[in-house]
Amino acid sequence: MKKSFAEKIRSLFSKNKNDDFYEELVDILVEGDIGAKSSYEIVDELENICTKKHLSSESEIIYELKQI
């Protein structure tokens, strides 16, 4: 069974958050028809916000992703 876009995002958070997290998020966004350029811009902005605010929890990161 194929996972939905939302299921892929949730699945990403269920893994250990590591250096590949943002790369995997880009892949999920591209697969979700966001487009490569937009996906990279979104994830770069998200990574900058999370670093600046020291965010690490799923709920905080998802909140920021929704804001973007």
N, C-alpha and C. Protein backbone atom coordinates (compact mmCIF):
# COMPACT_ATOMS: atom_id res chain seq x y z
N MET A 1 0.84 -1.19 0.00
CA MET A 1 0.00 0.00 0.00
C MET A 1 0.88 1.24 0.00
N LYS A 2 0.56 2.18 -0.83
CA LYS A 2 1.33 3.41 -0.96
C LYS A 2 0.97 4.38 0.17
N LYS A 3 2.01 5.00 0.75
CA LYS A 3 1.78 5.95 1.84
C LYS A 3 1.33 7.30 1.28
N SER A 4 0.47 7.96 2.03
CA SER A 4 0.05 9.31 1.65
C SER A 4 1.16 10.30 2.01
N PHE A 5 1.04 11.49 1.50
CA PHE A 5 2.00 12.56 1.78
C PHE A 5 2.14 12.78 3.29
N ALA A 6 1.02 12.88 3.98
CA ALA A 6 1.03 13.11 5.43
C ALA A 6 1.67 11.94 6.17
N GLU A 7 1.39 10.73 5.71
CA GLU A 7 1.99 9.54 6.35
C GLU A 7 3.50 9.53 6.18
N LYS A 8 3.98 9.98 5.03
CA LYS A 8 5.42 10.05 4.81
C LYS A 8 6.07 11.06 5.74
N ILE A 9 5.41 12.20 5.94
CA ILE A 9 5.94 13.22 6.85
C ILE A 9 5.98 12.66 8.27
N ARG A 10 4.89 12.04 8.71
CA ARG A 10 4.84 11.46 10.07
C ARG A 10 5.90 10.37 10.22
N SER A 11 6.08 9.58 9.19
CA SER A 11 7.07 8.50 9.22
C SER A 11 8.48 9.05 9.37
N LEU A 12 8.74 10.16 8.73
CA LEU A 12 10.06 10.79 8.83
C LEU A 12 10.36 11.16 10.28
N PHE A 13 9.37 11.65 11.00
CA PHE A 13 9.57 12.03 12.40
C PHE A 13 9.69 10.83 13.32
N SER A 14 9.17 9.69 12.91
CA SER A 14 9.24 8.51 13.76
C SER A 14 10.65 7.91 13.76
N LYS A 15 11.44 8.25 12.74
CA LYS A 15 12.83 7.82 12.71
C LYS A 15 13.64 8.72 13.61
N ASN A 16 14.85 8.31 13.92
CA ASN A 16 15.74 9.19 14.66
C ASN A 16 16.09 10.38 13.79
N LYS A 17 16.00 11.57 14.36
CA LYS A 17 16.32 12.78 13.60
C LYS A 17 17.84 12.85 13.48
N ASN A 18 18.32 12.78 12.26
CA ASN A 18 19.76 12.83 12.04
C ASN A 18 20.08 13.80 10.92
N ASP A 19 21.30 13.75 10.44
CA ASP A 19 21.74 14.67 9.39
C ASP A 19 20.95 14.50 8.11
N ASP A 20 20.37 13.34 7.88
CA ASP A 20 19.61 13.09 6.66
C ASP A 20 18.17 13.59 6.74
N PHE A 21 17.75 14.05 7.90
CA PHE A 21 16.36 14.46 8.10
C PHE A 21 15.90 15.46 7.05
N TYR A 22 16.66 16.54 6.90
CA TYR A 22 16.25 17.59 5.98
C TYR A 22 16.31 17.13 4.52
N GLU A 23 17.29 16.30 4.19
CA GLU A 23 17.37 15.76 2.83
C GLU A 23 16.17 14.87 2.54
N GLU A 24 15.79 14.06 3.50
CA GLU A 24 14.62 13.20 3.32
C GLU A 24 13.35 14.03 3.20
N LEU A 25 13.28 15.12 3.96
CA LEU A 25 12.11 16.00 3.88
C LEU A 25 12.01 16.62 2.49
N VAL A 26 13.13 17.03 1.92
CA VAL A 26 13.12 17.56 0.55
C VAL A 26 12.56 16.51 -0.40
N ASP A 27 13.04 15.28 -0.26
CA ASP A 27 12.56 14.20 -1.14
C ASP A 27 11.05 14.01 -1.02
N ILE A 28 10.55 14.04 0.20
CA ILE A 28 9.11 13.86 0.42
C ILE A 28 8.32 15.01 -0.21
N LEU A 29 8.81 16.23 -0.05
CA LEU A 29 8.12 17.38 -0.64
C LEU A 29 8.13 17.31 -2.16
N VAL A 30 9.26 16.92 -2.74
CA VAL A 30 9.33 16.79 -4.21
C VAL A 30 8.36 15.72 -4.68
N GLU A 31 8.33 14.58 -3.99
CA GLU A 31 7.40 13.51 -4.35
C GLU A 31 5.95 13.97 -4.22
N GLY A 32 5.72 14.92 -3.32
CA GLY A 32 4.37 15.46 -3.11
C GLY A 32 4.01 16.57 -4.08
N ASP A 33 4.80 16.69 -5.16
CA ASP A 33 4.56 17.66 -6.23
C ASP A 33 4.71 19.11 -5.80
N ILE A 34 5.57 19.34 -4.83
CA ILE A 34 5.85 20.72 -4.41
C ILE A 34 6.80 21.37 -5.41
N GLY A 35 7.64 20.55 -6.03
CA GLY A 35 8.64 21.06 -6.97
C GLY A 35 9.99 21.13 -6.29
N ALA A 36 11.04 20.85 -7.03
CA ALA A 36 12.38 20.77 -6.45
C ALA A 36 12.84 22.11 -5.88
N LYS A 37 12.74 23.17 -6.65
CA LYS A 37 13.21 24.49 -6.19
C LYS A 37 12.47 24.92 -4.93
N SER A 38 11.16 24.83 -4.96
CA SER A 38 10.36 25.22 -3.79
C SER A 38 10.66 24.34 -2.59
N SER A 39 10.84 23.05 -2.82
CA SER A 39 11.13 22.13 -1.73
C SER A 39 12.44 22.48 -1.04
N TYR A 40 13.47 22.76 -1.84
CA TYR A 40 14.76 23.15 -1.26
C TYR A 40 14.66 24.47 -0.51
N GLU A 41 13.91 25.42 -1.05
CA GLU A 41 13.74 26.71 -0.37
C GLU A 41 13.00 26.54 0.96
N ILE A 42 11.95 25.75 0.95
CA ILE A 42 11.17 25.49 2.16
C ILE A 42 12.04 24.82 3.22
N VAL A 43 12.76 23.80 2.84
CA VAL A 43 13.56 23.04 3.80
C VAL A 43 14.75 23.87 4.30
N ASP A 44 15.35 24.67 3.44
CA ASP A 44 16.43 25.56 3.89
C ASP A 44 15.92 26.54 4.94
N GLU A 45 14.76 27.12 4.67
CA GLU A 45 14.17 28.06 5.62
C GLU A 45 13.82 27.35 6.93
N LEU A 46 13.23 26.16 6.83
CA LEU A 46 12.88 25.39 8.02
C LEU A 46 14.12 25.06 8.84
N GLU A 47 15.16 24.62 8.17
CA GLU A 47 16.40 24.26 8.88
C GLU A 47 16.99 25.48 9.58
N ASN A 48 16.98 26.63 8.92
CA ASN A 48 17.48 27.86 9.54
C ASN A 48 16.67 28.25 10.77
N ILE A 49 15.36 28.16 10.66
CA ILE A 49 14.48 28.49 11.80
C ILE A 49 14.72 27.54 12.96
N CYS A 50 14.79 26.23 12.66
CA CYS A 50 14.99 25.24 13.71
C CYS A 50 16.34 25.40 14.40
N THR A 51 17.34 25.75 13.63
CA THR A 51 18.67 25.97 14.21
C THR A 51 18.66 27.23 15.08
N LYS A 52 18.10 28.29 14.55
CA LYS A 52 18.06 29.58 15.26
C LYS A 52 17.27 29.48 16.57
N LYS A 53 16.14 28.77 16.53
CA LYS A 53 15.27 28.66 17.70
C LYS A 53 15.56 27.42 18.54
N HIS A 54 16.54 26.61 18.12
CA HIS A 54 16.90 25.37 18.82
C HIS A 54 15.70 24.43 18.96
N LEU A 55 14.97 24.25 17.86
CA LEU A 55 13.80 23.39 17.85
C LEU A 55 14.21 21.96 17.50
N SER A 56 13.60 21.02 18.19
CA SER A 56 13.91 19.63 17.88
C SER A 56 12.70 18.71 17.98
N SER A 57 11.65 19.15 18.63
CA SER A 57 10.49 18.27 18.78
C SER A 57 9.65 18.26 17.51
N GLU A 58 9.00 17.16 17.30
CA GLU A 58 8.15 16.98 16.13
C GLU A 58 7.11 18.09 16.03
N SER A 59 6.44 18.38 17.12
CA SER A 59 5.36 19.38 17.08
C SER A 59 5.90 20.77 16.74
N GLU A 60 7.07 21.13 17.26
CA GLU A 60 7.65 22.43 16.96
C GLU A 60 8.05 22.53 15.49
N ILE A 61 8.65 21.49 14.98
CA ILE A 61 9.12 21.49 13.59
C ILE A 61 7.94 21.49 12.63
N ILE A 62 6.92 20.70 12.92
CA ILE A 62 5.74 20.68 12.06
C ILE A 62 5.04 22.02 12.08
N TYR A 63 4.97 22.65 13.25
CA TYR A 63 4.36 23.97 13.35
C TYR A 63 5.08 24.96 12.41
N GLU A 64 6.42 24.96 12.49
CA GLU A 64 7.20 25.87 11.66
C GLU A 64 7.04 25.54 10.17
N LEU A 65 7.00 24.26 9.84
CA LEU A 65 6.79 23.84 8.45
C LEU A 65 5.45 24.36 7.94
N LYS A 66 4.42 24.25 8.76
CA LYS A 66 3.10 24.76 8.36
C LYS A 66 3.12 26.27 8.18
N GLN A 67 3.88 26.97 9.01
CA GLN A 67 3.96 28.42 8.90
C GLN A 67 4.61 28.86 7.59
N ILE A 68 5.60 28.08 7.17
CA ILE A 68 6.29 28.38 5.91
C ILE A 68 5.33 28.14 4.76
